[in-house]
Amino acid sequence: MTVAAILASKGRDVVTIAGARTVAESVQLLATKRIGAIVVIDDGGRIAGIVSERDIVRALAADAAAALALPVSSVMTRAVVTCGEGETIDSVMSRMTRGRFRHLPVVTSGRLVGIISIGDVVKARIEQVEREAEEMRAYIATA
């Protein structure tokens, strides 16, 4: 199974924010959309970073309530790891586990086309394993 299959199932909507917006605005967006990360885009619509709940907690720990007035660009993760639609779920699961991050923007031809979470990947992997087990049971029953 590939990242494209996950996106076909969950959709391609990606919540984005400009780096000049405040951390408080990103917190409100995270809460309203019930998500764990927002892709930060530059003026050209390219990925500039990603801001996650973890990034915000770290900022709050360092600057307390004053962190809420900071621009998102000052707390975001700049080195964003991305993936392509053709990658397998095993590949992205391994990368996410090694990198210890839970959200992975999907890029095609340099353009943001979706985002997947570790929850999406685990769900897809479980479905794949269940399908394989059912196929094995059916094969054994007909043998």
Protein backbone atom coordinates (compact mmCIF):
# COMPACT_ATOMS: atom_id res chain seq x y z
CA MET A 1 0.00 0.00 0.00
CA THR A 2 1.21 3.49 -0.82
CA VAL A 3 0.84 7.01 0.52
CA ALA A 4 -1.46 7.72 -2.46
CA ALA A 5 -3.87 5.05 -1.17
CA ILE A 6 -3.93 6.68 2.26
CA LEU A 7 -4.66 10.08 0.71
CA ALA A 8 -7.39 8.56 -1.49
CA SER A 9 -9.05 7.29 1.67
CA LYS A 10 -8.58 10.24 4.03
CA GLY A 11 -8.51 13.14 1.59
CA ARG A 12 -5.93 15.67 0.52
CA ASP A 13 -6.90 18.67 2.61
CA VAL A 14 -3.94 20.29 4.33
CA VAL A 15 -4.23 23.01 6.95
CA THR A 16 -1.56 25.66 6.38
CA ILE A 17 -0.50 28.87 8.06
CA ALA A 18 1.85 31.71 7.16
CA GLY A 19 5.01 32.03 9.24
CA ALA A 20 4.14 35.61 10.23
CA ARG A 21 0.96 34.50 12.04
CA THR A 22 1.18 34.19 15.80
CA VAL A 23 1.57 31.07 17.86
CA ALA A 24 -1.80 31.92 19.45
CA GLU A 25 -3.41 31.79 16.00
CA SER A 26 -1.81 28.41 15.33
CA VAL A 27 -3.07 27.11 18.68
CA GLN A 28 -6.60 28.21 17.78
CA LEU A 29 -6.33 26.54 14.37
CA LEU A 30 -5.02 23.30 15.88
CA ALA A 31 -7.90 23.24 18.36
CA THR A 32 -10.60 24.18 15.85
CA LYS A 33 -9.46 21.63 13.25
CA ARG A 34 -8.65 19.01 15.91
CA ILE A 35 -5.23 18.30 14.40
CA GLY A 36 -1.70 17.95 15.74
CA ALA A 37 0.35 19.92 13.21
CA ILE A 38 0.07 22.69 10.63
CA VAL A 39 2.25 23.10 7.56
CA VAL A 40 3.85 26.55 7.46
CA ILE A 41 4.03 28.02 3.97
CA ASP A 42 6.00 30.93 2.54
CA ASP A 43 4.69 33.68 0.28
CA GLY A 44 5.15 31.44 -2.76
CA GLY A 45 3.08 28.63 -1.25
CA ARG A 46 6.12 26.43 -0.63
CA ILE A 47 6.74 24.55 2.61
CA ALA A 48 8.72 26.71 5.01
CA GLY A 49 8.27 24.55 8.08
CA ILE A 50 5.81 22.66 10.21
CA VAL A 51 4.46 23.63 13.62
CA SER A 52 3.26 20.88 15.90
CA GLU A 53 1.82 20.67 19.37
CA ARG A 54 5.30 19.70 20.56
CA ASP A 55 6.83 22.84 19.06
CA ILE A 56 4.26 24.96 20.87
CA VAL A 57 4.78 23.20 24.19
CA ARG A 58 8.53 23.77 23.91
CA ALA A 59 7.95 27.47 23.18
CA LEU A 60 5.59 27.79 26.15
CA ALA A 61 8.12 26.06 28.41
CA ALA A 62 10.80 28.52 27.31
CA ASP A 63 8.82 31.78 27.18
CA ALA A 64 5.59 31.08 29.10
CA ALA A 65 2.54 33.03 27.90
CA ALA A 66 4.75 35.45 25.93
CA ALA A 67 5.29 32.61 23.43
CA LEU A 68 1.72 33.02 22.21
CA ALA A 69 2.61 36.41 20.68
CA LEU A 70 5.63 35.05 18.78
CA PRO A 71 5.44 34.45 15.05
CA VAL A 72 4.95 30.81 14.07
CA SER A 73 8.21 31.01 12.12
CA SER A 74 10.14 31.38 15.38
CA VAL A 75 8.85 28.12 16.87
CA MET A 76 8.29 25.91 13.81
CA THR A 77 10.47 23.01 12.76
CA ARG A 78 12.35 24.21 9.68
CA ALA A 79 13.87 20.94 8.50
CA VAL A 80 10.66 19.37 7.24
CA VAL A 81 10.83 15.75 6.15
CA THR A 82 8.40 15.02 3.31
CA CYS A 83 7.37 12.00 1.30
CA GLY A 84 5.98 11.22 -2.12
CA GLU A 85 2.70 9.59 -3.05
CA GLY A 86 4.42 6.49 -4.43
CA GLU A 87 6.18 5.60 -1.19
CA THR A 88 5.05 2.56 0.75
CA ILE A 89 3.48 2.74 4.17
CA ASP A 90 6.29 0.59 5.55
CA SER A 91 8.84 3.12 4.27
CA VAL A 92 7.10 6.17 5.73
CA MET A 93 6.32 4.37 9.00
CA SER A 94 10.01 3.57 9.40
CA ARG A 95 11.04 7.15 8.61
CA MET A 96 8.50 8.60 11.05
CA THR A 97 9.58 6.22 13.80
CA ARG A 98 13.29 6.92 13.30
CA GLY A 99 12.73 10.68 13.12
CA ARG A 100 10.30 10.67 16.07
CA PHE A 101 7.69 12.81 14.33
CA ARG A 102 4.01 12.15 13.74
CA HIS A 103 3.14 14.22 10.67
CA LEU A 104 4.55 13.94 7.17
CA PRO A 105 3.67 16.37 4.37
CA VAL A 106 3.21 14.72 0.97
CA VAL A 107 4.85 16.49 -1.97
CA THR A 108 4.52 15.89 -5.70
CA SER A 109 6.67 17.87 -8.15
CA GLY A 110 7.57 20.30 -5.36
CA ARG A 111 3.90 20.97 -4.55
CA LEU A 112 2.17 20.14 -1.25
CA VAL A 113 -0.59 17.63 -2.07
CA GLY A 114 -1.49 16.19 1.32
CA ILE A 115 -0.35 15.26 4.79
CA ILE A 116 -0.38 11.96 6.62
CA SER A 117 -0.10 11.23 10.31
CA ILE A 118 1.32 8.20 12.07
CA GLY A 119 -2.29 7.34 12.92
CA ASP A 120 -3.17 7.25 9.22
CA VAL A 121 -0.17 5.02 8.53
CA VAL A 122 -0.89 2.63 11.41
CA LYS A 123 -4.56 2.38 10.39
CA ALA A 124 -3.57 1.56 6.80
CA ARG A 125 -1.04 -1.02 7.97
CA ILE A 126 -3.59 -2.72 10.24
CA GLU A 127 -6.10 -2.85 7.37
CA GLN A 128 -3.43 -4.36 5.15
CA VAL A 129 -2.54 -7.04 7.72
CA GLU A 130 -6.21 -7.88 8.30
CA ARG A 131 -6.79 -8.18 4.53
CA GLU A 132 -3.76 -10.46 4.17
CA ALA A 133 -4.95 -12.63 7.07
CA GLU A 134 -8.41 -12.95 5.52
CA GLU A 135 -6.88 -13.90 2.18
CA MET A 136 -4.76 -16.53 3.93
CA ARG A 137 -7.83 -17.95 5.72
CA ALA A 138 -9.73 -18.09 2.42
CA TYR A 139 -6.80 -19.81 0.72
CA ILE A 140 -6.51 -22.40 3.49
CA ALA A 141 -10.27 -23.03 3.45
CA THR A 142 -10.22 -23.76 -0.30
CA ALA A 143 -7.04 -25.91 -0.24
